[in-house]
């Protein structure tokens, strides 16, 4: 399922300011408006950078948790294999056949 995060090239899309396009043709020099717009874009980019770094730290933390869980499970599996090889009290093969109880069902 595709969502906004998986669409190729969507994160590289530019705003009207970064493409140097204006809705109103530049007749006069509007330095105050340009400074305001650049300041807003800078704030937006700084906030987005903080979100990205926070997401990165959360991903790293979760990766460490997954690695530790995988290590525990691999150790438990290795212990179970070694104890199964040394312990021969289990029946080998299909020598014991289980009897199934049969009952009639009325629908």
N, C-alpha and C. Protein backbone atom coordinates (compact mmCIF):
# COMPACT_ATOMS: atom_id res chain seq x y z
N UNK A 1 0.84 -1.17 0.00
CA UNK A 1 0.00 0.00 0.00
C UNK A 1 0.89 1.24 0.00
N UNK A 2 0.66 2.11 -0.91
CA UNK A 2 1.47 3.31 -1.03
C UNK A 2 0.86 4.44 -0.23
N UNK A 3 1.69 5.16 0.45
CA UNK A 3 1.24 6.34 1.17
C UNK A 3 2.18 7.48 0.84
N UNK A 4 2.02 8.57 1.53
CA UNK A 4 2.79 9.78 1.23
C UNK A 4 4.28 9.54 1.42
N UNK A 5 4.65 8.71 2.39
CA UNK A 5 6.07 8.51 2.67
C UNK A 5 6.76 7.63 1.64
N UNK A 6 6.01 6.83 0.88
CA UNK A 6 6.65 5.93 -0.08
C UNK A 6 6.62 6.46 -1.50
N UNK A 7 5.94 7.56 -1.76
CA UNK A 7 5.89 8.12 -3.11
C UNK A 7 7.25 8.72 -3.43
N UNK A 8 7.83 8.27 -4.54
CA UNK A 8 9.18 8.69 -4.91
C UNK A 8 9.20 10.17 -5.28
N UNK A 9 10.14 10.92 -4.73
CA UNK A 9 10.32 12.31 -5.11
C UNK A 9 9.42 13.29 -4.39
N UNK A 10 8.53 12.83 -3.55
CA UNK A 10 7.62 13.75 -2.89
C UNK A 10 8.34 14.59 -1.84
N UNK A 11 9.36 14.00 -1.19
CA UNK A 11 10.07 14.75 -0.17
C UNK A 11 10.97 15.83 -0.77
N UNK A 12 11.25 15.71 -2.05
CA UNK A 12 12.09 16.71 -2.69
C UNK A 12 11.30 17.82 -3.34
N UNK A 13 9.99 17.84 -3.12
CA UNK A 13 9.19 18.89 -3.76
C UNK A 13 9.53 20.24 -3.16
N UNK A 14 9.47 21.25 -4.00
CA UNK A 14 9.86 22.59 -3.58
C UNK A 14 8.64 23.46 -3.34
N UNK A 15 8.83 24.47 -2.53
CA UNK A 15 7.76 25.42 -2.28
C UNK A 15 7.83 26.53 -3.33
N UNK A 16 6.84 27.37 -3.34
CA UNK A 16 6.84 28.49 -4.29
C UNK A 16 8.05 29.39 -4.05
N UNK A 17 8.44 29.53 -2.79
CA UNK A 17 9.55 30.41 -2.48
C UNK A 17 10.87 29.83 -2.99
N UNK A 18 11.06 28.52 -2.82
CA UNK A 18 12.33 27.94 -3.24
C UNK A 18 12.45 27.83 -4.74
N UNK A 19 11.33 27.85 -5.47
CA UNK A 19 11.41 27.84 -6.94
C UNK A 19 11.46 29.26 -7.50
N UNK A 20 11.43 30.24 -6.64
CA UNK A 20 11.50 31.66 -7.02
C UNK A 20 10.30 32.09 -7.86
N UNK A 21 9.17 31.48 -7.61
CA UNK A 21 7.94 31.85 -8.30
C UNK A 21 7.11 32.69 -7.34
N UNK A 22 6.36 33.61 -7.89
CA UNK A 22 5.51 34.47 -7.07
C UNK A 22 4.12 34.53 -7.68
N UNK A 23 3.13 34.65 -6.81
CA UNK A 23 1.77 34.77 -7.31
C UNK A 23 1.52 36.17 -7.88
N UNK A 24 2.21 37.14 -7.34
CA UNK A 24 2.09 38.51 -7.82
C UNK A 24 3.45 38.90 -8.42
N UNK A 25 3.46 39.42 -9.61
CA UNK A 25 4.75 39.80 -10.21
C UNK A 25 5.47 40.84 -9.34
N UNK A 26 6.76 40.73 -9.30
CA UNK A 26 7.55 41.63 -8.48
C UNK A 26 7.70 42.97 -9.18
N UNK A 27 6.95 43.94 -8.69
CA UNK A 27 7.02 45.27 -9.26
C UNK A 27 7.97 46.12 -8.42
N UNK A 28 7.78 46.05 -7.14
CA UNK A 28 8.63 46.79 -6.23
C UNK A 28 9.48 45.78 -5.44
N UNK A 29 10.47 46.29 -4.83
CA UNK A 29 11.30 45.44 -3.98
C UNK A 29 10.60 45.28 -2.64
N UNK A 30 10.20 44.07 -2.35
CA UNK A 30 9.52 43.81 -1.08
C UNK A 30 10.43 42.97 -0.19
N UNK A 31 11.47 43.60 0.31
CA UNK A 31 12.47 42.90 1.10
C UNK A 31 11.86 42.38 2.40
N UNK A 32 10.94 43.14 3.01
CA UNK A 32 10.34 42.70 4.26
C UNK A 32 9.53 41.40 4.07
N UNK A 33 8.78 41.35 2.99
CA UNK A 33 7.99 40.15 2.71
C UNK A 33 8.91 38.96 2.42
N UNK A 34 9.95 39.20 1.65
CA UNK A 34 10.89 38.13 1.33
C UNK A 34 11.60 37.64 2.60
N UNK A 35 12.00 38.55 3.46
CA UNK A 35 12.63 38.16 4.72
C UNK A 35 11.68 37.36 5.59
N UNK A 36 10.44 37.77 5.63
CA UNK A 36 9.43 37.06 6.42
C UNK A 36 9.23 35.64 5.88
N UNK A 37 9.10 35.52 4.57
CA UNK A 37 8.89 34.20 3.97
C UNK A 37 10.09 33.30 4.16
N UNK A 38 11.29 33.85 4.02
CA UNK A 38 12.49 33.05 4.24
C UNK A 38 12.61 32.63 5.71
N UNK A 39 12.23 33.52 6.62
CA UNK A 39 12.24 33.17 8.05
C UNK A 39 11.27 32.05 8.36
N UNK A 40 10.07 32.09 7.75
CA UNK A 40 9.08 31.03 7.96
C UNK A 40 9.57 29.69 7.41
N UNK A 41 10.19 29.75 6.24
CA UNK A 41 10.70 28.51 5.67
C UNK A 41 11.83 27.94 6.52
N UNK A 42 12.67 28.82 7.06
CA UNK A 42 13.76 28.37 7.92
C UNK A 42 13.20 27.70 9.18
N UNK A 43 12.17 28.30 9.79
CA UNK A 43 11.54 27.70 10.97
C UNK A 43 10.95 26.34 10.64
N UNK A 44 10.28 26.25 9.51
CA UNK A 44 9.69 24.98 9.10
C UNK A 44 10.74 23.91 8.90
N UNK A 45 11.85 24.28 8.26
CA UNK A 45 12.92 23.32 8.02
C UNK A 45 13.60 22.90 9.31
N UNK A 46 13.77 23.83 10.24
CA UNK A 46 14.37 23.48 11.53
C UNK A 46 13.47 22.51 12.30
N UNK A 47 12.17 22.75 12.29
CA UNK A 47 11.23 21.84 12.97
C UNK A 47 11.26 20.47 12.31
N UNK A 48 11.30 20.44 11.00
CA UNK A 48 11.34 19.16 10.30
C UNK A 48 12.63 18.42 10.60
N UNK A 49 13.73 19.14 10.70
CA UNK A 49 15.01 18.53 11.07
C UNK A 49 14.97 17.93 12.47
N UNK A 50 14.32 18.62 13.41
CA UNK A 50 14.17 18.08 14.76
C UNK A 50 13.35 16.80 14.75
N UNK A 51 12.26 16.80 13.97
CA UNK A 51 11.41 15.60 13.88
C UNK A 51 12.18 14.43 13.28
N UNK A 52 12.99 14.71 12.26
CA UNK A 52 13.77 13.66 11.63
C UNK A 52 14.80 13.09 12.60
N UNK A 53 15.46 13.94 13.34
CA UNK A 53 16.47 13.46 14.29
C UNK A 53 15.81 12.66 15.42
N UNK A 54 14.64 13.12 15.87
CA UNK A 54 13.91 12.38 16.91
C UNK A 54 13.50 11.01 16.39
N UNK A 55 12.99 10.98 15.17
CA UNK A 55 12.59 9.70 14.57
C UNK A 55 13.79 8.78 14.42
N UNK A 56 14.94 9.35 14.05
CA UNK A 56 16.17 8.55 13.92
C UNK A 56 16.59 7.93 15.25
N UNK A 57 16.50 8.70 16.33
CA UNK A 57 16.87 8.14 17.63
C UNK A 57 15.89 7.07 18.07
N UNK A 58 14.60 7.25 17.76
CA UNK A 58 13.62 6.23 18.10
C UNK A 58 13.87 4.94 17.31
N UNK A 59 14.23 5.09 16.05
CA UNK A 59 14.52 3.91 15.22
C UNK A 59 15.75 3.18 15.75
N UNK A 60 16.79 3.92 16.10
CA UNK A 60 18.01 3.30 16.64
C UNK A 60 17.72 2.56 17.94
N UNK A 61 16.90 3.16 18.81
CA UNK A 61 16.54 2.52 20.07
C UNK A 61 15.79 1.22 19.83
N UNK A 62 14.84 1.24 18.90
CA UNK A 62 14.05 0.04 18.60
C UNK A 62 14.93 -1.03 17.96
N UNK A 63 15.89 -0.64 17.12
CA UNK A 63 16.80 -1.60 16.53
C UNK A 63 17.64 -2.31 17.59
N UNK A 64 18.08 -1.56 18.60
CA UNK A 64 18.84 -2.17 19.69
C UNK A 64 17.97 -3.16 20.47
N UNK A 65 16.70 -2.80 20.71
CA UNK A 65 15.80 -3.71 21.41
C UNK A 65 15.58 -4.99 20.61
N UNK A 66 15.40 -4.85 19.30
CA UNK A 66 15.18 -6.02 18.45
C UNK A 66 16.42 -6.91 18.45
N UNK A 67 17.60 -6.30 18.37
CA UNK A 67 18.84 -7.08 18.39
C UNK A 67 19.00 -7.85 19.70
N UNK A 68 18.68 -7.21 20.82
CA UNK A 68 18.81 -7.89 22.11
C UNK A 68 17.81 -9.05 22.22
N UNK A 69 16.58 -8.84 21.74
CA UNK A 69 15.59 -9.92 21.76
C UNK A 69 16.01 -11.07 20.86
N UNK A 70 16.57 -10.75 19.69
CA UNK A 70 17.04 -11.80 18.79
C UNK A 70 18.17 -12.60 19.45
N UNK A 71 19.07 -11.91 20.14
CA UNK A 71 20.16 -12.59 20.83
C UNK A 71 19.66 -13.53 21.90
N UNK A 72 18.68 -13.08 22.69
CA UNK A 72 18.12 -13.93 23.74
C UNK A 72 17.47 -15.16 23.14
N UNK A 73 16.70 -14.98 22.06
CA UNK A 73 16.03 -16.12 21.43
C UNK A 73 17.02 -17.09 20.80
N UNK A 74 18.09 -16.58 20.21
CA UNK A 74 19.09 -17.46 19.62
C UNK A 74 19.81 -18.26 20.69
N UNK A 75 20.10 -17.62 21.83
CA UNK A 75 20.73 -18.34 22.94
C UNK A 75 19.82 -19.43 23.48
N UNK A 76 18.53 -19.10 23.64
CA UNK A 76 17.57 -20.09 24.14
C UNK A 76 17.44 -21.25 23.16
N UNK A 77 17.46 -20.97 21.86
CA UNK A 77 17.36 -22.03 20.86
C UNK A 77 18.59 -22.92 20.88
N UNK A 78 19.77 -22.31 21.04
CA UNK A 78 21.00 -23.09 21.11
C UNK A 78 21.01 -23.99 22.34
N UNK A 79 20.53 -23.48 23.46
CA UNK A 79 20.46 -24.28 24.69
C UNK A 79 19.49 -25.43 24.51
N UNK A 80 18.34 -25.14 23.87
CA UNK A 80 17.33 -26.19 23.65
C UNK A 80 17.87 -27.27 22.72
N UNK A 81 18.63 -26.90 21.69
CA UNK A 81 19.20 -27.88 20.78
C UNK A 81 20.23 -28.75 21.47
N UNK A 82 21.08 -28.10 22.27
CA UNK A 82 22.12 -28.88 22.95
C UNK A 82 21.52 -29.82 23.99
N UNK A 83 20.47 -29.40 24.68
CA UNK A 83 19.85 -30.29 25.66
C UNK A 83 19.06 -31.39 24.97
N UNK A 84 18.51 -31.15 23.80
CA UNK A 84 17.76 -32.17 23.06
C UNK A 84 18.71 -33.23 22.53
N UNK A 85 19.93 -32.82 22.16
CA UNK A 85 20.91 -33.79 21.65
C UNK A 85 21.43 -34.69 22.76
N UNK A 86 21.60 -34.17 23.95
CA UNK A 86 22.13 -34.97 25.05
C UNK A 86 21.04 -35.76 25.76
N UNK A 87 19.81 -35.31 25.74
CA UNK A 87 18.71 -35.98 26.43
C UNK A 87 18.01 -36.93 25.46
N UNK A 88 18.12 -38.24 25.70
CA UNK A 88 17.53 -39.22 24.80
C UNK A 88 16.28 -39.84 25.40
N UNK A 89 15.61 -39.19 26.33
CA UNK A 89 14.42 -39.74 26.94
C UNK A 89 13.19 -39.58 26.05
N UNK A 90 13.30 -38.78 25.00
CA UNK A 90 12.18 -38.61 24.09
C UNK A 90 12.12 -39.79 23.14
N UNK A 91 10.92 -40.22 22.77
CA UNK A 91 10.82 -41.33 21.82
C UNK A 91 11.32 -40.92 20.44
N UNK A 92 12.02 -41.80 19.79
CA UNK A 92 12.57 -41.54 18.47
C UNK A 92 11.58 -41.94 17.39
N UNK A 93 11.37 -41.09 16.41
CA UNK A 93 10.53 -41.41 15.27
C UNK A 93 9.06 -41.45 15.62
N UNK A 94 8.30 -42.25 14.89
CA UNK A 94 6.86 -42.36 15.07
C UNK A 94 6.51 -43.70 15.72
N UNK A 95 7.28 -44.12 16.69
CA UNK A 95 7.03 -45.41 17.31
C UNK A 95 5.76 -45.41 18.15
N UNK A 96 5.35 -44.26 18.68
CA UNK A 96 4.14 -44.17 19.48
C UNK A 96 3.05 -43.52 18.64
N UNK A 97 1.95 -44.26 18.44
CA UNK A 97 0.86 -43.73 17.65
C UNK A 97 -0.25 -43.32 18.60
N UNK A 98 -0.79 -42.15 18.39
CA UNK A 98 -1.81 -41.61 19.27
C UNK A 98 -3.18 -42.12 18.84
N UNK A 99 -3.96 -42.52 19.80
CA UNK A 99 -5.33 -42.97 19.55
C UNK A 99 -6.25 -41.76 19.59
N UNK A 100 -7.04 -41.58 18.56
CA UNK A 100 -7.97 -40.46 18.51
C UNK A 100 -9.34 -40.93 18.96
N UNK A 101 -9.98 -40.13 19.78
CA UNK A 101 -11.33 -40.44 20.23
C UNK A 101 -12.32 -39.99 19.17
N UNK A 102 -13.24 -40.90 18.81
CA UNK A 102 -14.23 -40.60 17.78
C UNK A 102 -15.58 -40.41 18.42
N UNK A 103 -16.26 -39.33 18.00
CA UNK A 103 -17.60 -39.04 18.52
C UNK A 103 -18.50 -38.63 17.37
N UNK A 104 -19.76 -39.07 17.44
CA UNK A 104 -20.70 -38.61 16.40
C UNK A 104 -21.18 -37.20 16.70
N UNK A 105 -21.35 -36.40 15.69
CA UNK A 105 -21.86 -35.05 15.83
C UNK A 105 -23.22 -34.94 15.17
N UNK A 106 -24.12 -34.32 15.86
CA UNK A 106 -25.44 -34.11 15.27
C UNK A 106 -25.58 -32.63 14.92
N UNK A 107 -25.98 -32.36 13.71
CA UNK A 107 -26.09 -30.99 13.24
C UNK A 107 -27.50 -30.50 13.32
